[in-house]
Protein backbone atom coordinates (compact mmCIF):
# COMPACT_ATOMS: atom_id res chain seq x y z
CA UNK A 1 70.24 -33.12 1.94
CA UNK A 2 68.87 -31.30 -1.10
CA UNK A 3 66.89 -34.36 -2.12
CA UNK A 4 65.41 -34.64 1.35
CA UNK A 5 64.32 -30.96 1.30
CA UNK A 6 62.69 -31.46 -2.09
CA UNK A 7 60.80 -34.52 -0.90
CA UNK A 8 59.55 -32.64 2.17
CA UNK A 9 58.30 -29.77 0.03
CA UNK A 10 56.49 -32.15 -2.28
CA UNK A 11 54.94 -33.97 0.65
CA UNK A 12 53.81 -30.70 2.31
CA UNK A 13 52.30 -29.44 -0.96
CA UNK A 14 50.45 -32.70 -1.43
CA UNK A 15 48.96 -32.52 2.06
CA UNK A 16 47.83 -28.89 1.54
CA UNK A 17 46.24 -29.70 -1.82
CA UNK A 18 44.54 -32.76 -0.34
CA UNK A 19 43.05 -30.66 2.51
CA UNK A 20 41.85 -28.03 0.09
CA UNK A 21 40.19 -30.75 -1.97
CA UNK A 22 38.40 -32.21 1.05
CA UNK A 23 37.64 -28.89 2.81
CA UNK A 24 37.16 -26.05 0.33
CA UNK A 25 37.42 -22.52 1.83
CA UNK A 26 34.19 -20.91 3.01
CA UNK A 27 32.89 -18.14 0.76
CA UNK A 28 32.65 -14.74 2.46
CA UNK A 29 29.87 -12.19 2.02
CA UNK A 30 32.28 -10.04 0.03
CA UNK A 31 32.78 -12.91 -2.40
CA UNK A 32 29.09 -12.68 -3.26
CA UNK A 33 29.63 -9.29 -4.81
CA UNK A 34 31.91 -10.70 -7.45
CA UNK A 35 30.55 -12.25 -10.61
CA UNK A 36 31.59 -15.84 -11.43
CA UNK A 37 34.33 -16.46 -13.92
CA UNK A 38 33.83 -18.67 -16.97
CA UNK A 39 35.12 -21.77 -15.19
CA UNK A 40 32.69 -21.33 -12.29
CA UNK A 41 29.77 -20.82 -14.66
CA UNK A 42 30.73 -23.92 -16.59
CA UNK A 43 30.78 -26.01 -13.41
CA UNK A 44 27.51 -24.57 -12.11
CA UNK A 45 25.57 -24.77 -15.37
CA UNK A 46 25.13 -28.45 -14.72
CA UNK A 47 22.90 -27.55 -11.75
CA UNK A 48 21.24 -24.35 -12.94
CA UNK A 49 17.66 -25.56 -12.50
CA UNK A 50 17.62 -25.61 -8.68
CA UNK A 51 15.15 -22.65 -8.38
CA UNK A 52 12.52 -24.85 -10.07
CA UNK A 53 12.56 -27.12 -7.03
CA UNK A 54 10.74 -24.41 -5.04
CA UNK A 55 8.29 -23.22 -7.71
CA UNK A 56 5.37 -24.75 -5.83
CA UNK A 57 5.79 -22.40 -2.85
CA UNK A 58 7.83 -19.48 -4.21
CA UNK A 59 6.85 -17.41 -7.26
CA UNK A 60 9.64 -16.45 -9.68
CA UNK A 61 9.42 -12.87 -10.94
CA UNK A 62 11.19 -10.98 -13.70
CA UNK A 63 11.23 -7.51 -15.18
CA UNK A 64 8.02 -8.16 -17.12
CA UNK A 65 5.76 -9.25 -14.26
CA UNK A 66 7.42 -7.66 -11.20
CA UNK A 67 5.40 -4.43 -11.11
CA UNK A 68 2.10 -6.16 -11.87
CA UNK A 69 2.65 -8.69 -9.08
CA UNK A 70 3.55 -5.94 -6.61
CA UNK A 71 0.38 -4.06 -7.53
CA UNK A 72 -1.78 -7.08 -6.74
CA UNK A 73 -0.15 -8.14 -3.46
CA UNK A 74 0.33 -5.92 -0.44
CA UNK A 75 3.05 -7.79 1.52
CA UNK A 76 5.78 -9.32 -0.62
CA UNK A 77 9.15 -10.69 0.55
CA UNK A 78 11.64 -10.77 -2.33
CA UNK A 79 14.80 -12.86 -2.42
CA UNK A 80 17.18 -11.43 -5.01
CA UNK A 81 19.58 -14.23 -5.88
CA UNK A 82 22.12 -15.39 -8.45
CA UNK A 83 21.76 -18.84 -9.96
CA UNK A 84 25.46 -19.56 -9.53
CA UNK A 85 25.62 -18.35 -5.91
CA UNK A 86 26.25 -21.07 -3.30
CA UNK A 87 24.55 -19.07 -0.50
CA UNK A 88 21.49 -18.37 -2.61
CA UNK A 89 21.09 -22.07 -3.28
CA UNK A 90 21.62 -22.85 0.42
CA UNK A 91 18.97 -20.34 1.56
CA UNK A 92 16.36 -21.37 -1.03
CA UNK A 93 14.85 -24.34 0.90
CA UNK A 94 14.60 -22.24 4.07
CA UNK A 95 12.96 -19.46 2.08
CA UNK A 96 10.46 -21.90 0.56
CA UNK A 97 9.63 -23.28 4.01
CA UNK A 98 8.97 -19.73 5.23
CA UNK A 99 6.67 -19.21 2.24
CA UNK A 100 4.56 -22.16 3.41
CA UNK A 101 4.33 -20.73 6.93
CA UNK A 102 3.30 -17.31 5.64
CA UNK A 103 0.77 -18.53 3.08
CA UNK A 104 -2.23 -16.21 3.17
CA UNK A 105 -0.28 -13.52 5.05
CA UNK A 106 2.45 -12.58 2.60
CA UNK A 107 3.88 -13.65 -0.73
CA UNK A 108 7.50 -14.83 -0.89
CA UNK A 109 9.08 -14.54 -4.33
CA UNK A 110 12.47 -14.95 -6.00
CA UNK A 111 14.20 -12.79 -8.60
CA UNK A 112 17.35 -13.87 -10.43
CA UNK A 113 19.13 -10.55 -10.00
CA UNK A 114 22.10 -11.69 -12.07
CA UNK A 115 19.84 -12.06 -15.11
CA UNK A 116 17.38 -9.28 -14.27
CA UNK A 117 19.98 -6.51 -14.33
CA UNK A 118 17.45 -3.64 -14.50
CA UNK A 119 15.68 -4.78 -11.31
CA UNK A 120 19.02 -5.36 -9.61
CA UNK A 121 20.12 -1.84 -10.51
CA UNK A 122 16.80 -0.29 -9.42
CA UNK A 123 17.01 -1.87 -5.97
CA UNK A 124 20.79 -1.60 -5.62
CA UNK A 125 21.47 -5.32 -5.31
CA UNK A 126 25.19 -5.64 -4.55
CA UNK A 127 25.29 -9.06 -2.90
CA UNK A 128 23.52 -12.40 -3.16
CA UNK A 129 21.16 -13.26 -1.70
CA UNK A 130 19.50 -9.97 -0.69
CA UNK A 131 16.07 -10.03 0.94
CA UNK A 132 13.60 -7.14 1.00
CA UNK A 133 10.06 -6.79 2.30
CA UNK A 134 7.82 -4.71 0.04
CA UNK A 135 4.60 -3.17 1.37
CA UNK A 136 2.04 -1.84 -1.13
CA UNK A 137 4.65 -2.05 -3.87
CA UNK A 138 7.23 0.00 -1.95
CA UNK A 139 10.48 -1.46 -0.58
CA UNK A 140 10.37 -0.95 3.17
CA UNK A 141 12.75 -3.28 5.03
CA UNK A 142 15.86 -5.33 4.37
CA UNK A 143 16.42 -8.62 6.16
CA UNK A 144 19.89 -8.81 7.69
CA UNK A 145 19.49 -12.05 9.64
CA UNK A 146 22.11 -14.78 9.88
CA UNK A 147 21.17 -17.83 7.85
CA UNK A 148 21.87 -20.44 10.55
CA UNK A 149 19.75 -23.19 12.05
CA UNK A 150 20.50 -22.86 15.74
CA UNK A 151 20.76 -19.25 16.92
CA UNK A 152 19.79 -16.28 14.80
CA UNK A 153 20.42 -12.71 15.89
CA UNK A 154 19.67 -9.83 13.68
CA UNK A 155 19.18 -6.12 13.96
CA UNK A 156 16.63 -4.29 11.81
CA UNK A 157 15.84 -0.60 11.98
CA UNK A 158 17.74 -0.23 15.23
CA UNK A 159 15.65 -2.90 17.02
CA UNK A 160 17.61 -5.93 18.25
CA UNK A 161 15.63 -9.13 17.86
CA UNK A 162 16.97 -12.50 19.01
CA UNK A 163 15.46 -15.82 17.98
CA UNK A 164 17.03 -18.73 19.83
CA UNK A 165 16.80 -22.37 18.80
CA UNK A 166 14.72 -21.53 15.73
CA UNK A 167 15.04 -22.90 12.24
CA UNK A 168 15.92 -20.45 9.48
CA UNK A 169 12.42 -20.55 8.03
CA UNK A 170 11.01 -19.67 11.49
CA UNK A 171 13.29 -16.65 11.61
CA UNK A 172 12.33 -15.41 8.15
CA UNK A 173 8.59 -15.84 8.75
CA UNK A 174 8.79 -14.28 12.22
CA UNK A 175 10.67 -11.30 10.80
CA UNK A 176 8.12 -10.83 8.00
CA UNK A 177 5.22 -11.01 10.47
CA UNK A 178 6.93 -8.47 12.73
CA UNK A 179 7.39 -6.03 9.87
CA UNK A 180 3.85 -6.59 8.57
CA UNK A 181 2.43 -5.57 11.94
CA UNK A 182 4.43 -2.36 12.19
CA UNK A 183 2.20 0.66 12.63
CA UNK A 184 3.59 2.91 9.91
CA UNK A 185 5.33 2.65 6.56
CA UNK A 186 7.73 5.21 5.15
CA UNK A 187 7.39 6.98 1.79
CA UNK A 188 10.44 8.74 0.41
CA UNK A 189 9.60 9.49 -3.24
CA UNK A 190 6.60 10.61 -5.27
CA UNK A 191 6.91 7.44 -7.36
CA UNK A 192 6.30 5.42 -4.21
CA UNK A 193 3.43 7.73 -3.29
CA UNK A 194 1.75 7.26 -6.66
CA UNK A 195 2.12 3.49 -6.36
CA UNK A 196 0.46 3.54 -2.93
CA UNK A 197 -2.47 5.62 -4.17
CA UNK A 198 -3.27 2.92 -6.72
CA UNK A 199 -3.86 0.27 -4.04
CA UNK A 200 -5.33 2.16 -1.08
CA UNK A 201 -8.94 3.24 -0.57
CA UNK A 202 -8.14 5.31 2.52
CA UNK A 203 -4.95 6.17 4.36
CA UNK A 204 -3.28 8.43 6.91
CA UNK A 205 -0.07 10.31 6.13
CA UNK A 206 2.14 12.01 8.69
CA UNK A 207 4.54 14.75 7.51
CA UNK A 208 7.27 14.53 10.16
CA UNK A 209 10.63 15.98 11.07
CA UNK A 210 12.19 12.51 11.19
CA UNK A 211 11.14 8.95 10.38
CA UNK A 212 12.25 7.86 13.86
CA UNK A 213 11.63 9.38 17.24
CA UNK A 214 8.69 10.67 19.25
CA UNK A 215 6.51 11.82 16.33
CA UNK A 216 6.88 8.51 14.52
CA UNK A 217 6.18 6.58 17.72
CA UNK A 218 2.96 8.54 18.39
CA UNK A 219 1.78 7.89 14.83
CA UNK A 220 2.62 4.18 15.07
CA UNK A 221 0.80 3.84 18.39
CA UNK A 222 -2.34 5.46 16.94
CA UNK A 223 -2.21 3.12 13.95
CA UNK A 224 -2.49 0.06 16.21
CA UNK A 225 -6.05 1.16 17.04
CA UNK A 226 -7.11 1.20 13.38
CA UNK A 227 -6.29 -2.06 11.63
CA UNK A 228 -8.56 -1.14 8.70
CA UNK A 229 -6.55 1.99 7.80
CA UNK A 230 -2.90 2.02 6.73
CA UNK A 231 -0.63 4.71 8.18
CA UNK A 232 2.30 6.22 6.29
CA UNK A 233 4.98 8.75 7.18
CA UNK A 234 7.33 10.97 5.21
CA UNK A 235 9.86 13.74 5.63
CA UNK A 236 9.72 14.73 1.96
CA UNK A 237 8.00 18.01 1.13
CA UNK A 238 7.32 16.70 -2.40
CA UNK A 239 5.58 13.61 -1.05
CA UNK A 240 3.60 15.73 1.42
CA UNK A 241 2.41 18.00 -1.40
CA UNK A 242 1.44 14.93 -3.45
CA UNK A 243 -0.89 13.98 -0.59
CA UNK A 244 -2.38 17.50 -0.34
CA UNK A 245 -0.28 18.73 2.59
CA UNK A 246 1.30 22.11 1.93
CA UNK A 247 5.08 21.54 1.65
CA UNK A 248 5.74 24.45 4.01
CA UNK A 249 3.26 23.26 6.63
CA UNK A 250 4.43 23.26 10.22
CA UNK A 251 5.55 19.77 11.19
CA UNK A 252 4.31 17.40 12.39
CA UNK A 253 1.32 17.60 10.05
CA UNK A 254 -1.16 14.87 9.24
CA UNK A 255 -3.91 14.24 6.71
CA UNK A 256 -6.56 11.58 6.20
CA UNK A 257 -7.26 10.69 2.58
CA UNK A 258 -10.53 8.95 1.85
CA UNK A 259 -10.03 8.19 -1.82
CA UNK A 260 -13.41 6.60 -2.48
CA UNK A 261 -15.18 9.54 -0.85
CA UNK A 262 -12.89 11.99 -2.63
CA UNK A 263 -11.94 13.81 0.58
CA UNK A 264 -8.71 15.01 2.14
CA UNK A 265 -9.17 15.92 5.80
CA UNK A 266 -6.32 17.70 7.63
CA UNK A 267 -5.58 17.01 11.30
CA UNK A 268 -5.61 20.16 13.47
CA UNK A 269 -5.03 18.89 17.00
CA UNK A 270 -2.10 18.11 19.27
CA UNK A 271 0.07 15.39 17.73
CA UNK A 272 -0.57 12.63 20.27
CA UNK A 273 -1.61 9.03 19.72
CA UNK A 274 -5.00 9.50 21.38
CA UNK A 275 -5.86 12.66 19.43
CA UNK A 276 -4.79 11.04 16.15
CA UNK A 277 -6.76 7.85 16.88
CA UNK A 278 -9.91 9.85 17.71
CA UNK A 279 -9.49 11.94 14.56
CA UNK A 280 -9.25 8.82 12.38
CA UNK A 281 -12.29 7.28 14.10
CA UNK A 282 -14.46 10.26 13.23
CA UNK A 283 -13.04 10.68 9.72
CA UNK A 284 -12.81 7.21 8.19
CA UNK A 285 -16.56 6.76 7.83
CA UNK A 286 -17.68 9.88 5.93
CA UNK A 287 -21.27 10.95 6.35
CA UNK A 288 -21.31 12.30 2.81
CA UNK A 289 -19.53 10.73 -0.18
CA UNK A 290 -18.13 13.20 -2.72
CA UNK A 291 -18.72 11.77 -6.19
CA UNK A 292 -15.55 11.30 -8.26
CA UNK A 293 -14.70 9.52 -11.48
CA UNK A 294 -13.08 6.85 -9.34
CA UNK A 295 -16.00 6.01 -7.01
CA UNK A 296 -18.89 6.69 -9.42
CA UNK A 297 -19.30 3.05 -10.35
CA UNK A 298 -19.48 1.99 -6.68
CA UNK A 299 -22.03 4.71 -5.90
CA UNK A 300 -24.35 3.76 -8.75
CA UNK A 301 -24.13 0.08 -7.88
CA UNK A 302 -24.84 0.64 -4.18
CA UNK A 303 -28.27 -0.94 -3.50
CA UNK A 304 -29.20 1.58 -0.80
CA UNK A 305 -31.53 4.47 -1.42
CA UNK A 306 -29.53 7.64 -1.95
CA UNK A 307 -29.90 11.33 -1.25
CA UNK A 308 -27.88 13.60 -3.55
CA UNK A 309 -26.83 17.21 -3.14
CA UNK A 310 -25.83 19.09 -6.30
CA UNK A 311 -24.01 22.31 -5.45
CA UNK A 312 -21.05 24.40 -6.70
CA UNK A 313 -17.70 23.83 -4.99
CA UNK A 314 -17.56 27.45 -3.83
CA UNK A 315 -20.24 29.50 -2.11
CA UNK A 316 -22.19 26.45 -0.94
CA UNK A 317 -20.69 25.92 2.50
CA UNK A 318 -23.96 26.54 4.34
CA UNK A 319 -26.06 24.08 2.34
CA UNK A 320 -23.25 21.48 2.45
CA UNK A 321 -23.11 21.74 6.25
CA UNK A 322 -26.91 21.43 6.39
CA UNK A 323 -26.75 18.35 4.16
CA UNK A 324 -24.15 16.81 6.48
CA UNK A 325 -26.45 17.41 9.46
CA UNK A 326 -29.19 15.52 7.62
CA UNK A 327 -26.69 12.74 6.93
CA UNK A 328 -26.00 12.50 10.67
CA UNK A 329 -29.71 12.23 11.43
CA UNK A 330 -30.30 9.56 8.76
CA UNK A 331 -26.97 7.78 9.11
CA UNK A 332 -27.14 4.15 8.04
CA UNK A 333 -30.51 4.60 6.35
CA UNK A 334 -29.49 6.45 3.19
CA UNK A 335 -26.31 6.91 1.19
CA UNK A 336 -25.61 10.65 1.04
CA UNK A 337 -23.77 11.88 -2.05
CA UNK A 338 -22.38 15.32 -2.88
CA UNK A 339 -21.76 16.37 -6.50
CA UNK A 340 -19.69 19.42 -7.42
CA UNK A 341 -22.07 20.38 -10.19
CA UNK A 342 -19.81 22.84 -12.00
CA UNK A 343 -16.60 20.78 -11.85
CA UNK A 344 -15.00 19.43 -14.99
CA UNK A 345 -15.65 15.80 -15.76
CA UNK A 346 -17.92 13.61 -13.68
CA UNK A 347 -19.66 16.41 -11.72
CA UNK A 348 -20.83 18.28 -14.78
CA UNK A 349 -21.80 15.15 -16.68
CA UNK A 350 -23.83 13.62 -13.85
CA UNK A 351 -25.55 16.97 -13.24
CA UNK A 352 -26.66 16.99 -16.86
CA UNK A 353 -27.91 13.41 -16.66
CA UNK A 354 -29.93 14.30 -13.56
CA UNK A 355 -31.34 17.37 -15.30
CA UNK A 356 -29.64 19.83 -12.94
CA UNK A 357 -28.51 23.12 -14.46
CA UNK A 358 -27.49 26.58 -13.26
CA UNK A 359 -25.70 27.25 -9.98
CA UNK A 360 -28.56 26.84 -7.51
CA UNK A 361 -28.07 23.87 -5.13
CA UNK A 362 -30.52 21.01 -5.63
CA UNK A 363 -31.39 17.93 -3.58
CA UNK A 364 -32.49 14.79 -5.38
CA UNK A 365 -33.44 11.37 -4.06
CA UNK A 366 -32.17 8.54 -6.22
CA UNK A 367 -33.11 4.86 -6.29
CA UNK A 368 -30.38 2.70 -7.82
CA UNK A 369 -32.76 -0.25 -8.02
CA UNK A 370 -34.99 1.31 -10.68
CA UNK A 371 -32.78 4.28 -11.72
CA UNK A 372 -35.42 6.85 -10.76
CA UNK A 373 -35.01 10.30 -9.27
CA UNK A 374 -37.17 12.44 -7.01
CA UNK A 375 -36.58 16.21 -6.85
CA UNK A 376 -36.98 18.30 -3.71
CA UNK A 377 -38.70 21.56 -4.58
CA UNK A 378 -38.56 24.61 -2.34
CA UNK A 379 -36.04 25.99 0.10
CA UNK A 380 -33.23 23.72 1.22
CA UNK A 381 -33.36 23.73 5.00
CA UNK A 382 -32.45 21.14 7.60
CA UNK A 383 -36.13 20.39 8.18
CA UNK A 384 -37.13 20.19 4.51
CA UNK A 385 -34.21 17.97 3.44
CA UNK A 386 -34.66 15.66 6.42
CA UNK A 387 -38.41 15.30 5.82
CA UNK A 388 -37.77 14.68 2.13
CA UNK A 389 -35.33 11.88 2.99
CA UNK A 390 -37.71 10.28 5.48
CA UNK A 391 -40.56 10.33 2.94
CA UNK A 392 -38.23 8.76 0.40
CA UNK A 393 -37.44 5.95 2.85
CA UNK A 394 -41.16 5.35 3.36
CA UNK A 395 -41.86 5.29 -0.43
CA UNK A 396 -44.05 8.39 -0.29
CA UNK A 397 -42.42 10.11 -3.28
CA UNK A 398 -43.57 7.75 -6.03
CA UNK A 399 -45.71 10.36 -7.80
CA UNK A 400 -42.66 12.61 -8.32
CA UNK A 401 -40.32 10.16 -10.05
CA UNK A 402 -38.39 10.61 -13.30
CA UNK A 403 -36.29 7.96 -15.07
CA UNK A 404 -32.51 8.46 -15.07
CA UNK A 405 -30.41 7.62 -18.14
CA UNK A 406 -28.36 4.43 -17.80
CA UNK A 407 -25.38 6.10 -19.49
CA UNK A 408 -24.24 7.46 -16.14
CA UNK A 409 -23.54 3.89 -15.08
CA UNK A 410 -20.90 3.62 -17.81
CA UNK A 411 -18.61 6.45 -16.84
CA UNK A 412 -14.95 6.03 -17.90
CA UNK A 413 -12.58 4.79 -15.21
CA UNK A 414 -9.58 6.75 -13.95
CA UNK A 415 -6.63 5.87 -11.76
CA UNK A 416 -6.74 6.99 -8.14
CA UNK A 417 -3.46 8.78 -8.42
CA UNK A 418 -4.75 11.22 -11.06
CA UNK A 419 -7.94 12.65 -9.64
CA UNK A 420 -8.26 15.65 -7.38
CA UNK A 421 -9.40 15.38 -3.78
CA UNK A 422 -11.66 17.89 -2.12
CA UNK A 423 -10.11 19.22 1.06
CA UNK A 424 -12.59 18.77 3.87
CA UNK A 425 -12.09 20.97 6.88
């Protein structure tokens, strides 16, 4: 009897071991959080080069080139993986296929988070693989989709999206496209804000009570009417102040930053999609460009004839408004430039190069083609400035020209995040 029991136990154990050999247990998501032991690493080291199979379609990033790559590419989907992770290896071909589908729309990249510990810590990578969509260098969305071939259901940002009978790469690419076409992007820290300022030429920022709800929906709806301007939202007073909104402003508040023109224009209307859209329409093409260290090179290289107003930042409101009226009348014919003549840096230097001194406003016509200037003498009125501009267009000012020094074309560059904007009411 005892021998029979022993034989049965041996037989049962053999069957169990045989089944485990043929059908290993499925690894759970929680298993991905654990690091491999030495035995696992030894077994997997024989196949550690699998990421190289997808190098043609998917860029591999590390701590040295991550920030630079993000700065050069607006929409980037990142797959944080571990070389030893079964699920990372399984997803890789689907991820590479999605990269092919999204070529020209977004970049899909891979980061070995197990080796790149600093990046993993920065983005709180606790499981492999983890997928994030970055917009303008800022992490915006995490992909939570099932990695299956037949039916994929996932929920992102409270929106249920179901893709039936799609391949995994279809799901990933569809999700990326959906997120890329969202109207607004959220900013939560000043580090993110500074990163965004380095890549944008103009943007809209909403300072809201909440990143979801009616205010966010109105802002997103308005953004759909302006594909050439990116819309951002924040609830952080520090971020709002970084973008020239007073941190104690009544919410919702909104501002349009035209970085190349050097202007920050606050929104002062009812916070509705139509009012916001109309505001952006009238603001994104400034009649007058305010010269800054950042846009100076573009201004001097612009082939159009230019009309410049040199005036102090304070006490010149009347002549600035008059100059803007002239810009309206001659819109599209001349480039109109305003220089804060007594400001530190580029304003003072350019004023000296143009031979402008003192505090009295001056209007000068400038031809970038031959680097010559033409000075308007007399009172600065709407009629006199407009006539002066029209004569300049008709080449009737040739007997008044002076040569401008070429040194102004070699002004030092400066990052967008560090220069001051002029608030434009």
